N, C-alpha and C. Protein backbone atom coordinates (compact mmCIF):
# COMPACT_ATOMS: atom_id res chain seq x y z
N MET A 1 8.07 -42.22 106.25
CA MET A 1 8.38 -43.01 105.09
C MET A 1 9.22 -42.21 104.09
N PHE A 2 8.88 -40.94 103.91
CA PHE A 2 9.63 -40.10 102.98
C PHE A 2 11.07 -39.93 103.43
N LYS A 3 11.29 -39.78 104.75
CA LYS A 3 12.64 -39.64 105.29
C LYS A 3 13.45 -40.91 105.04
N GLY A 4 12.81 -42.08 105.17
CA GLY A 4 13.49 -43.35 104.92
C GLY A 4 13.91 -43.48 103.46
N LEU A 5 13.07 -43.01 102.54
CA LEU A 5 13.38 -43.05 101.11
C LEU A 5 14.58 -42.15 100.80
N ILE A 6 14.59 -40.95 101.33
CA ILE A 6 15.70 -40.02 101.14
C ILE A 6 16.98 -40.60 101.73
N ALA A 7 16.88 -41.17 102.93
CA ALA A 7 18.06 -41.76 103.57
C ALA A 7 18.59 -42.93 102.74
N GLY A 8 17.70 -43.74 102.19
CA GLY A 8 18.10 -44.86 101.33
C GLY A 8 18.81 -44.40 100.07
N ILE A 9 18.30 -43.35 99.45
CA ILE A 9 18.92 -42.80 98.23
C ILE A 9 20.30 -42.24 98.56
N LEU A 10 20.41 -41.47 99.65
CA LEU A 10 21.70 -40.92 100.05
C LEU A 10 22.71 -42.03 100.36
N LEU A 11 22.27 -43.07 101.04
CA LEU A 11 23.14 -44.19 101.37
C LEU A 11 23.62 -44.88 100.09
N ALA A 12 22.72 -45.07 99.14
CA ALA A 12 23.09 -45.70 97.87
C ALA A 12 24.12 -44.86 97.11
N VAL A 13 23.91 -43.56 97.08
CA VAL A 13 24.84 -42.65 96.40
C VAL A 13 26.21 -42.70 97.07
N LEU A 14 26.23 -42.68 98.40
CA LEU A 14 27.49 -42.74 99.14
C LEU A 14 28.21 -44.07 98.91
N LEU A 15 27.47 -45.17 98.87
CA LEU A 15 28.08 -46.48 98.62
C LEU A 15 28.67 -46.56 97.21
N ILE A 16 27.96 -46.04 96.24
CA ILE A 16 28.47 -46.04 94.86
C ILE A 16 29.72 -45.17 94.76
N ALA A 17 29.65 -43.97 95.33
CA ALA A 17 30.82 -43.07 95.29
C ALA A 17 32.00 -43.71 96.02
N GLY A 18 31.75 -44.34 97.16
CA GLY A 18 32.80 -45.01 97.91
C GLY A 18 33.39 -46.18 97.12
N GLY A 19 32.54 -46.93 96.44
CA GLY A 19 33.01 -48.05 95.61
C GLY A 19 33.89 -47.57 94.46
N VAL A 20 33.49 -46.49 93.81
CA VAL A 20 34.28 -45.92 92.71
C VAL A 20 35.63 -45.42 93.25
N TYR A 21 35.59 -44.73 94.38
CA TYR A 21 36.84 -44.26 94.99
C TYR A 21 37.74 -45.43 95.34
N PHE A 22 37.20 -46.47 95.94
CA PHE A 22 37.96 -47.65 96.31
C PHE A 22 38.59 -48.30 95.07
N TYR A 23 37.81 -48.42 94.00
CA TYR A 23 38.29 -49.02 92.74
C TYR A 23 39.52 -48.30 92.21
N PHE A 24 39.47 -46.97 92.20
CA PHE A 24 40.60 -46.19 91.68
C PHE A 24 41.75 -46.07 92.67
N SER A 25 41.44 -45.85 93.94
CA SER A 25 42.50 -45.58 94.92
C SER A 25 43.29 -46.82 95.31
N THR A 26 42.77 -48.00 95.04
CA THR A 26 43.50 -49.22 95.39
C THR A 26 44.22 -49.84 94.20
N GLY A 27 44.27 -49.12 93.09
CA GLY A 27 45.01 -49.60 91.92
C GLY A 27 44.30 -50.68 91.13
N ARG A 28 43.02 -50.81 91.26
CA ARG A 28 42.28 -51.82 90.51
C ARG A 28 41.91 -51.35 89.11
N ALA A 29 41.89 -50.06 88.88
CA ALA A 29 41.57 -49.53 87.55
C ALA A 29 42.75 -49.75 86.61
N PRO A 30 42.50 -50.23 85.41
CA PRO A 30 43.60 -50.46 84.47
C PRO A 30 44.21 -49.13 84.01
N VAL A 31 45.53 -49.07 84.00
CA VAL A 31 46.19 -47.85 83.54
C VAL A 31 47.12 -48.11 82.36
N ALA A 32 47.47 -49.36 82.10
CA ALA A 32 48.33 -49.70 80.97
C ALA A 32 47.51 -49.71 79.69
N THR A 33 48.14 -49.34 78.58
CA THR A 33 47.41 -49.30 77.31
C THR A 33 46.98 -50.68 76.83
N LYS A 34 47.66 -51.72 77.26
CA LYS A 34 47.30 -53.08 76.83
C LYS A 34 46.38 -53.77 77.83
N ALA A 35 46.02 -53.10 78.93
CA ALA A 35 45.10 -53.68 79.90
C ALA A 35 43.68 -53.64 79.33
N PRO A 36 42.82 -54.54 79.77
CA PRO A 36 41.44 -54.48 79.29
C PRO A 36 40.77 -53.20 79.77
N PRO A 37 39.82 -52.70 79.01
CA PRO A 37 39.17 -51.45 79.41
C PRO A 37 38.34 -51.61 80.68
N MET A 38 38.12 -50.50 81.35
CA MET A 38 37.26 -50.49 82.53
C MET A 38 35.83 -50.81 82.10
N PRO A 39 35.02 -51.28 83.04
CA PRO A 39 33.62 -51.53 82.68
C PRO A 39 32.96 -50.26 82.13
N PHE A 40 32.34 -50.38 81.01
CA PHE A 40 31.59 -49.31 80.35
C PHE A 40 32.47 -48.16 79.86
N GLU A 41 33.80 -48.30 79.91
CA GLU A 41 34.70 -47.20 79.53
C GLU A 41 34.44 -46.70 78.11
N SER A 42 34.45 -47.60 77.15
CA SER A 42 34.28 -47.20 75.76
C SER A 42 32.90 -46.59 75.52
N LYS A 43 31.87 -47.24 76.06
CA LYS A 43 30.51 -46.74 75.87
C LYS A 43 30.33 -45.35 76.48
N LEU A 44 30.82 -45.16 77.70
CA LEU A 44 30.68 -43.86 78.36
C LEU A 44 31.49 -42.77 77.64
N ALA A 45 32.70 -43.10 77.19
CA ALA A 45 33.52 -42.11 76.48
C ALA A 45 32.86 -41.69 75.17
N LYS A 46 32.34 -42.65 74.41
CA LYS A 46 31.66 -42.32 73.14
C LYS A 46 30.39 -41.52 73.39
N MET A 47 29.65 -41.90 74.42
CA MET A 47 28.42 -41.19 74.75
C MET A 47 28.72 -39.73 75.11
N ALA A 48 29.75 -39.53 75.94
CA ALA A 48 30.12 -38.16 76.34
C ALA A 48 30.59 -37.35 75.14
N GLN A 49 31.42 -37.95 74.29
CA GLN A 49 31.93 -37.23 73.13
C GLN A 49 30.79 -36.84 72.18
N HIS A 50 29.90 -37.77 71.88
CA HIS A 50 28.79 -37.45 70.96
C HIS A 50 27.85 -36.42 71.56
N ALA A 51 27.57 -36.52 72.85
CA ALA A 51 26.69 -35.53 73.49
C ALA A 51 27.32 -34.15 73.44
N TYR A 52 28.63 -34.08 73.66
CA TYR A 52 29.32 -32.79 73.62
C TYR A 52 29.32 -32.22 72.20
N LEU A 53 29.69 -33.06 71.24
CA LEU A 53 29.78 -32.58 69.86
C LEU A 53 28.42 -32.18 69.29
N ASP A 54 27.37 -32.85 69.71
CA ASP A 54 26.03 -32.51 69.22
C ASP A 54 25.60 -31.10 69.61
N ARG A 55 26.18 -30.57 70.69
CA ARG A 55 25.83 -29.21 71.15
C ARG A 55 26.54 -28.12 70.37
N LEU A 56 27.57 -28.48 69.61
CA LEU A 56 28.40 -27.49 68.91
C LEU A 56 27.79 -27.07 67.58
N PRO A 57 28.22 -25.90 67.07
CA PRO A 57 27.80 -25.51 65.71
C PRO A 57 28.38 -26.51 64.71
N HIS A 58 27.74 -26.65 63.58
CA HIS A 58 28.16 -27.59 62.54
C HIS A 58 28.53 -26.83 61.26
N PRO A 59 29.69 -26.15 61.27
CA PRO A 59 30.04 -25.35 60.09
C PRO A 59 30.43 -26.21 58.89
N GLU A 60 30.21 -25.65 57.73
CA GLU A 60 30.64 -26.29 56.49
C GLU A 60 32.14 -26.05 56.34
N PRO A 61 32.84 -26.95 55.61
CA PRO A 61 34.29 -26.73 55.40
C PRO A 61 34.56 -25.36 54.80
N GLN A 62 35.62 -24.74 55.29
CA GLN A 62 35.97 -23.39 54.83
C GLN A 62 36.90 -23.41 53.62
N VAL A 63 37.23 -24.60 53.13
CA VAL A 63 38.00 -24.73 51.90
C VAL A 63 37.30 -25.79 51.04
N PRO A 64 37.33 -25.63 49.73
CA PRO A 64 36.72 -26.65 48.87
C PRO A 64 37.60 -27.90 48.82
N ALA A 65 36.99 -29.03 48.55
CA ALA A 65 37.74 -30.30 48.45
C ALA A 65 38.29 -30.45 47.03
N ASP A 66 39.05 -29.44 46.60
CA ASP A 66 39.65 -29.50 45.27
C ASP A 66 41.06 -30.06 45.36
N GLU A 67 41.67 -30.30 44.20
CA GLU A 67 42.99 -30.92 44.13
C GLU A 67 44.05 -30.13 44.91
N THR A 68 44.01 -28.82 44.82
CA THR A 68 45.01 -27.99 45.50
C THR A 68 44.92 -28.16 47.01
N ASN A 69 43.71 -28.06 47.56
CA ASN A 69 43.56 -28.21 49.01
C ASN A 69 43.83 -29.63 49.47
N LEU A 70 43.48 -30.62 48.67
CA LEU A 70 43.77 -32.00 49.04
C LEU A 70 45.27 -32.27 49.03
N LEU A 71 46.00 -31.69 48.09
CA LEU A 71 47.46 -31.84 48.07
C LEU A 71 48.11 -31.16 49.27
N HIS A 72 47.65 -29.96 49.59
CA HIS A 72 48.16 -29.27 50.79
C HIS A 72 47.80 -30.08 52.03
N GLY A 73 46.59 -30.58 52.09
CA GLY A 73 46.17 -31.40 53.22
C GLY A 73 47.03 -32.65 53.36
N ALA A 74 47.42 -33.25 52.22
CA ALA A 74 48.26 -34.45 52.25
C ALA A 74 49.63 -34.13 52.85
N LYS A 75 50.21 -33.00 52.48
CA LYS A 75 51.52 -32.61 53.03
C LYS A 75 51.42 -32.38 54.55
N ILE A 76 50.39 -31.68 54.96
CA ILE A 76 50.19 -31.38 56.38
C ILE A 76 49.93 -32.68 57.15
N TYR A 77 49.13 -33.55 56.57
CA TYR A 77 48.81 -34.83 57.20
C TYR A 77 50.08 -35.66 57.40
N LYS A 78 50.93 -35.73 56.38
CA LYS A 78 52.17 -36.52 56.49
C LYS A 78 53.04 -36.00 57.63
N GLU A 79 53.11 -34.69 57.78
CA GLU A 79 53.98 -34.09 58.80
C GLU A 79 53.40 -34.19 60.21
N ASN A 80 52.08 -34.17 60.35
CA ASN A 80 51.47 -34.04 61.67
C ASN A 80 50.59 -35.20 62.12
N CYS A 81 50.15 -36.04 61.20
CA CYS A 81 49.12 -37.03 61.54
C CYS A 81 49.50 -38.47 61.21
N ALA A 82 50.30 -38.66 60.17
CA ALA A 82 50.55 -40.00 59.63
C ALA A 82 51.19 -40.94 60.63
N PHE A 83 52.02 -40.43 61.52
CA PHE A 83 52.72 -41.30 62.45
C PHE A 83 51.75 -42.11 63.29
N CYS A 84 50.63 -41.52 63.66
CA CYS A 84 49.62 -42.25 64.44
C CYS A 84 48.51 -42.81 63.57
N HIS A 85 48.06 -42.05 62.56
CA HIS A 85 46.87 -42.41 61.79
C HIS A 85 47.17 -43.12 60.48
N GLY A 86 48.45 -43.32 60.15
CA GLY A 86 48.82 -44.16 59.02
C GLY A 86 48.71 -43.51 57.66
N LEU A 87 49.20 -44.25 56.69
CA LEU A 87 49.20 -43.84 55.30
C LEU A 87 48.64 -44.97 54.44
N PRO A 88 48.20 -44.66 53.22
CA PRO A 88 47.67 -45.72 52.36
C PRO A 88 48.72 -46.81 52.12
N GLY A 89 48.32 -48.06 52.29
CA GLY A 89 49.19 -49.18 51.99
C GLY A 89 50.28 -49.47 53.00
N GLU A 90 50.30 -48.77 54.13
CA GLU A 90 51.34 -49.01 55.14
C GLU A 90 50.72 -49.58 56.40
N GLU A 91 51.55 -50.33 57.14
CA GLU A 91 51.13 -50.89 58.42
C GLU A 91 51.06 -49.79 59.48
N LYS A 92 50.38 -50.11 60.58
CA LYS A 92 50.36 -49.20 61.73
C LYS A 92 51.78 -49.04 62.26
N SER A 93 52.08 -47.84 62.74
CA SER A 93 53.38 -47.61 63.38
C SER A 93 53.38 -48.28 64.75
N ALA A 94 54.56 -48.48 65.30
CA ALA A 94 54.68 -49.07 66.64
C ALA A 94 53.96 -48.21 67.67
N VAL A 95 54.01 -46.90 67.50
CA VAL A 95 53.32 -46.01 68.44
C VAL A 95 51.81 -46.22 68.36
N ALA A 96 51.26 -46.30 67.14
CA ALA A 96 49.83 -46.50 66.98
C ALA A 96 49.38 -47.83 67.58
N LYS A 97 50.20 -48.86 67.42
CA LYS A 97 49.87 -50.17 67.98
C LYS A 97 49.90 -50.15 69.51
N GLY A 98 50.69 -49.27 70.09
CA GLY A 98 50.83 -49.22 71.54
C GLY A 98 49.91 -48.25 72.24
N MET A 99 49.06 -47.56 71.53
CA MET A 99 48.16 -46.57 72.15
C MET A 99 46.83 -47.23 72.54
N TYR A 100 46.19 -46.66 73.55
CA TYR A 100 44.81 -47.05 73.88
C TYR A 100 44.01 -45.79 74.11
N PRO A 101 42.93 -45.65 73.42
CA PRO A 101 42.49 -46.51 72.34
C PRO A 101 43.38 -46.34 71.13
N GLU A 102 43.47 -47.39 70.31
CA GLU A 102 44.30 -47.30 69.11
C GLU A 102 43.72 -46.23 68.20
N PRO A 103 44.58 -45.36 67.64
CA PRO A 103 44.06 -44.33 66.74
C PRO A 103 43.54 -44.95 65.45
N PRO A 104 42.45 -44.43 64.92
CA PRO A 104 41.93 -44.99 63.68
C PRO A 104 42.93 -44.78 62.54
N GLN A 105 43.05 -45.79 61.71
CA GLN A 105 43.90 -45.69 60.52
C GLN A 105 43.03 -45.09 59.42
N LEU A 106 43.29 -43.85 59.09
CA LEU A 106 42.36 -43.06 58.28
C LEU A 106 42.37 -43.41 56.80
N PHE A 107 43.31 -44.23 56.36
CA PHE A 107 43.33 -44.63 54.95
C PHE A 107 43.16 -46.14 54.81
N HIS A 108 42.63 -46.77 55.84
CA HIS A 108 42.32 -48.20 55.83
C HIS A 108 40.85 -48.32 56.19
N GLY A 109 40.06 -48.92 55.34
CA GLY A 109 38.63 -49.02 55.61
C GLY A 109 37.96 -47.66 55.44
N ALA A 110 36.91 -47.43 56.20
CA ALA A 110 36.14 -46.19 56.07
C ALA A 110 36.87 -44.98 56.67
N GLY A 111 37.80 -45.22 57.62
CA GLY A 111 38.47 -44.08 58.26
C GLY A 111 37.44 -43.18 58.90
N VAL A 112 37.47 -41.91 58.53
CA VAL A 112 36.46 -40.97 59.02
C VAL A 112 35.67 -40.37 57.86
N THR A 113 35.63 -41.08 56.73
CA THR A 113 34.90 -40.57 55.58
C THR A 113 33.40 -40.47 55.86
N ASP A 114 32.93 -41.24 56.83
CA ASP A 114 31.51 -41.18 57.17
C ASP A 114 31.20 -40.15 58.26
N ASP A 115 32.23 -39.55 58.85
CA ASP A 115 32.02 -38.47 59.82
C ASP A 115 31.76 -37.16 59.07
N GLU A 116 31.07 -36.26 59.72
CA GLU A 116 30.88 -34.94 59.15
C GLU A 116 32.21 -34.19 59.19
N ALA A 117 32.47 -33.34 58.21
CA ALA A 117 33.75 -32.61 58.15
C ALA A 117 33.96 -31.75 59.39
N TRP A 118 32.92 -31.09 59.88
CA TRP A 118 33.07 -30.22 61.05
C TRP A 118 33.52 -31.01 62.27
N GLU A 119 33.10 -32.31 62.38
CA GLU A 119 33.48 -33.13 63.52
C GLU A 119 34.98 -33.44 63.47
N SER A 120 35.48 -33.80 62.29
CA SER A 120 36.92 -34.05 62.14
C SER A 120 37.70 -32.77 62.39
N TYR A 121 37.18 -31.65 61.91
CA TYR A 121 37.84 -30.36 62.16
C TYR A 121 37.97 -30.12 63.67
N TRP A 122 36.88 -30.32 64.40
CA TRP A 122 36.90 -30.08 65.83
C TRP A 122 37.93 -30.98 66.51
N LYS A 123 38.00 -32.24 66.11
CA LYS A 123 38.94 -33.19 66.73
C LYS A 123 40.39 -32.78 66.47
N VAL A 124 40.69 -32.31 65.26
CA VAL A 124 42.06 -31.88 64.95
C VAL A 124 42.37 -30.60 65.73
N GLU A 125 41.44 -29.68 65.75
CA GLU A 125 41.67 -28.40 66.42
C GLU A 125 41.80 -28.56 67.94
N ASN A 126 40.96 -29.37 68.55
CA ASN A 126 40.88 -29.45 70.01
C ASN A 126 41.50 -30.68 70.64
N GLY A 127 41.74 -31.72 69.87
CA GLY A 127 42.24 -32.96 70.43
C GLY A 127 41.14 -33.69 71.19
N ILE A 128 41.46 -34.90 71.67
CA ILE A 128 40.49 -35.68 72.42
C ILE A 128 41.17 -36.17 73.69
N ARG A 129 40.66 -35.74 74.79
CA ARG A 129 41.21 -36.05 76.11
C ARG A 129 41.35 -37.56 76.32
N LEU A 130 42.46 -37.95 76.94
CA LEU A 130 42.77 -39.32 77.33
C LEU A 130 42.86 -40.31 76.16
N THR A 131 43.14 -39.82 74.96
CA THR A 131 43.28 -40.73 73.82
C THR A 131 44.64 -40.63 73.15
N GLY A 132 45.40 -39.63 73.45
CA GLY A 132 46.66 -39.39 72.74
C GLY A 132 46.49 -38.44 71.58
N MET A 133 45.24 -38.09 71.23
CA MET A 133 45.00 -37.15 70.13
C MET A 133 45.22 -35.74 70.64
N PRO A 134 46.31 -35.08 70.15
CA PRO A 134 46.61 -33.74 70.64
C PRO A 134 45.78 -32.67 69.94
N SER A 135 45.69 -31.52 70.55
CA SER A 135 45.12 -30.35 69.90
C SER A 135 46.19 -29.77 68.99
N LEU A 136 45.84 -29.52 67.74
CA LEU A 136 46.79 -28.92 66.80
C LEU A 136 46.46 -27.45 66.53
N LYS A 137 45.63 -26.88 67.39
CA LYS A 137 45.19 -25.50 67.24
C LYS A 137 46.36 -24.52 67.21
N ASP A 138 47.39 -24.77 68.02
CA ASP A 138 48.52 -23.85 68.07
C ASP A 138 49.60 -24.19 67.05
N ALA A 139 49.49 -25.35 66.41
CA ALA A 139 50.50 -25.78 65.44
C ALA A 139 50.08 -25.52 64.00
N LEU A 140 48.78 -25.52 63.73
CA LEU A 140 48.28 -25.36 62.37
C LEU A 140 47.32 -24.17 62.30
N THR A 141 47.23 -23.58 61.12
CA THR A 141 46.27 -22.50 60.92
C THR A 141 44.89 -23.10 60.70
N GLU A 142 43.87 -22.27 60.75
CA GLU A 142 42.51 -22.73 60.50
C GLU A 142 42.40 -23.34 59.10
N THR A 143 43.02 -22.69 58.13
CA THR A 143 42.99 -23.20 56.75
C THR A 143 43.66 -24.57 56.67
N GLN A 144 44.81 -24.73 57.32
CA GLN A 144 45.50 -26.01 57.29
C GLN A 144 44.66 -27.12 57.94
N ILE A 145 43.99 -26.79 59.03
CA ILE A 145 43.13 -27.79 59.68
C ILE A 145 42.00 -28.19 58.74
N TRP A 146 41.41 -27.22 58.05
CA TRP A 146 40.34 -27.55 57.09
C TRP A 146 40.90 -28.37 55.93
N GLN A 147 42.12 -28.08 55.49
CA GLN A 147 42.70 -28.86 54.39
C GLN A 147 42.89 -30.33 54.80
N VAL A 148 43.37 -30.56 56.01
CA VAL A 148 43.51 -31.93 56.49
C VAL A 148 42.12 -32.57 56.62
N THR A 149 41.18 -31.80 57.12
CA THR A 149 39.82 -32.30 57.30
C THR A 149 39.20 -32.74 55.99
N VAL A 150 39.31 -31.93 54.94
CA VAL A 150 38.71 -32.33 53.66
C VAL A 150 39.47 -33.51 53.06
N LEU A 151 40.77 -33.62 53.36
CA LEU A 151 41.53 -34.78 52.88
C LEU A 151 40.98 -36.06 53.50
N VAL A 152 40.87 -36.12 54.83
CA VAL A 152 40.42 -37.36 55.46
C VAL A 152 38.94 -37.63 55.19
N LYS A 153 38.16 -36.59 55.02
CA LYS A 153 36.74 -36.76 54.67
C LYS A 153 36.61 -37.41 53.30
N ASN A 154 37.54 -37.10 52.40
CA ASN A 154 37.48 -37.61 51.02
C ASN A 154 38.54 -38.67 50.74
N ALA A 155 39.02 -39.33 51.78
CA ALA A 155 40.08 -40.33 51.64
C ALA A 155 39.70 -41.47 50.71
N ASP A 156 38.42 -41.76 50.61
CA ASP A 156 37.97 -42.87 49.77
C ASP A 156 37.83 -42.49 48.29
N LYS A 157 38.02 -41.22 47.98
CA LYS A 157 37.89 -40.80 46.58
C LYS A 157 38.99 -39.82 46.17
N MET A 158 40.21 -40.02 46.70
CA MET A 158 41.30 -39.11 46.36
C MET A 158 41.92 -39.49 45.01
N SER A 159 42.49 -38.51 44.38
CA SER A 159 43.12 -38.71 43.08
C SER A 159 44.47 -39.41 43.23
N GLU A 160 45.00 -39.85 42.11
CA GLU A 160 46.31 -40.50 42.11
C GLU A 160 47.40 -39.52 42.55
N ALA A 161 47.28 -38.25 42.19
CA ALA A 161 48.27 -37.24 42.59
C ALA A 161 48.30 -37.09 44.12
N VAL A 162 47.15 -37.08 44.75
CA VAL A 162 47.08 -36.96 46.21
C VAL A 162 47.64 -38.22 46.86
N ARG A 163 47.30 -39.38 46.32
CA ARG A 163 47.83 -40.64 46.84
C ARG A 163 49.35 -40.66 46.75
N LYS A 164 49.88 -40.19 45.62
CA LYS A 164 51.35 -40.15 45.46
C LYS A 164 51.98 -39.19 46.46
N GLU A 165 51.34 -38.06 46.71
CA GLU A 165 51.87 -37.11 47.70
C GLU A 165 51.91 -37.75 49.08
N LEU A 166 50.87 -38.49 49.41
CA LEU A 166 50.82 -39.14 50.72
C LEU A 166 51.89 -40.21 50.88
N THR A 167 52.17 -40.94 49.81
CA THR A 167 53.09 -42.07 49.93
C THR A 167 54.52 -41.74 49.52
N ALA A 168 54.77 -40.57 48.99
CA ALA A 168 56.12 -40.20 48.56
C ALA A 168 57.03 -40.03 49.77
N GLY A 169 58.14 -40.75 49.76
CA GLY A 169 59.15 -40.57 50.82
C GLY A 169 58.72 -41.02 52.18
N THR A 170 57.88 -42.03 52.27
CA THR A 170 57.40 -42.47 53.57
C THR A 170 57.81 -43.89 53.91
N SER A 171 58.91 -44.35 53.36
CA SER A 171 59.29 -45.74 53.61
C SER A 171 59.75 -45.98 55.04
N THR A 172 60.16 -44.94 55.75
CA THR A 172 60.59 -45.11 57.13
C THR A 172 59.87 -44.09 58.02
N PRO A 173 58.70 -44.45 58.55
CA PRO A 173 57.92 -43.50 59.35
C PRO A 173 58.66 -43.00 60.59
N MET A 174 59.59 -43.78 61.14
CA MET A 174 60.31 -43.34 62.33
C MET A 174 61.12 -42.09 62.03
N GLU A 175 61.66 -41.98 60.82
CA GLU A 175 62.43 -40.79 60.45
C GLU A 175 61.57 -39.53 60.49
N MET A 176 60.27 -39.68 60.25
CA MET A 176 59.38 -38.52 60.29
C MET A 176 59.25 -37.99 61.71
N ALA A 177 59.40 -38.85 62.70
CA ALA A 177 59.22 -38.43 64.08
C ALA A 177 60.53 -38.09 64.78
N MET A 178 61.64 -38.46 64.21
CA MET A 178 62.93 -38.26 64.85
C MET A 178 63.75 -37.24 64.07
N PRO A 179 64.47 -36.36 64.76
CA PRO A 179 65.35 -35.44 64.05
C PRO A 179 66.50 -36.22 63.43
N SER A 180 66.93 -35.76 62.28
CA SER A 180 68.03 -36.47 61.64
C SER A 180 69.31 -36.22 62.43
N SER A 181 70.14 -37.23 62.51
CA SER A 181 71.41 -37.09 63.22
C SER A 181 72.47 -37.82 62.44
N LYS A 182 73.67 -37.32 62.55
CA LYS A 182 74.80 -37.94 61.86
C LYS A 182 75.50 -38.85 62.85
N PRO A 183 76.05 -39.98 62.35
CA PRO A 183 76.79 -40.84 63.26
C PRO A 183 78.03 -40.14 63.79
N ALA A 184 78.43 -40.48 64.98
CA ALA A 184 79.60 -39.87 65.59
C ALA A 184 80.85 -40.25 64.79
N ALA A 185 81.75 -39.29 64.66
CA ALA A 185 82.99 -39.53 63.92
C ALA A 185 83.87 -40.48 64.72
N THR A 186 84.55 -41.35 64.02
CA THR A 186 85.45 -42.29 64.71
C THR A 186 86.81 -41.66 64.86
N LYS A 187 87.48 -42.00 65.96
CA LYS A 187 88.82 -41.48 66.21
C LYS A 187 89.84 -42.32 65.48
N LYS A 188 90.91 -41.69 65.00
CA LYS A 188 91.96 -42.42 64.30
C LYS A 188 93.12 -42.65 65.20
């Protein structure tokens, strides 16, 4: 009887593994950003992320959430984050609308103000696999990452000066992502 139970468990595991392989290898899994999610995709991804993050140390922000750091964070955010995560009072960019999962708009609604600062720091530093969120560890210093982190953590209570810094010169978000170019000279 014990051998039959073990054989049944092994057979079930093999059938499940074979079914998963068949699902992916025959092109049934959605790969387009506008396709509906796979069964349990969102739940499993969130569960894995929270389980992983819960194991990490939970450091306090290494910079205070004062006006100076929030202003620096706003400048860094505009250059590195706004194209996907948006700005106060602006619509989502075409890129943000076309991503799956769509990146949270950090100045619309709660954003990540309810997340712990260390969690946002980790996400900026390390990125999030299969979401489009890159690691900025090699692009920003630790201080700059903390400045962005305290900015988004305090997005619901920022001063008018910080809001102005975020919205100054942002009427065309595409220009932020594209190098400036001059039109070709016409021949006479």
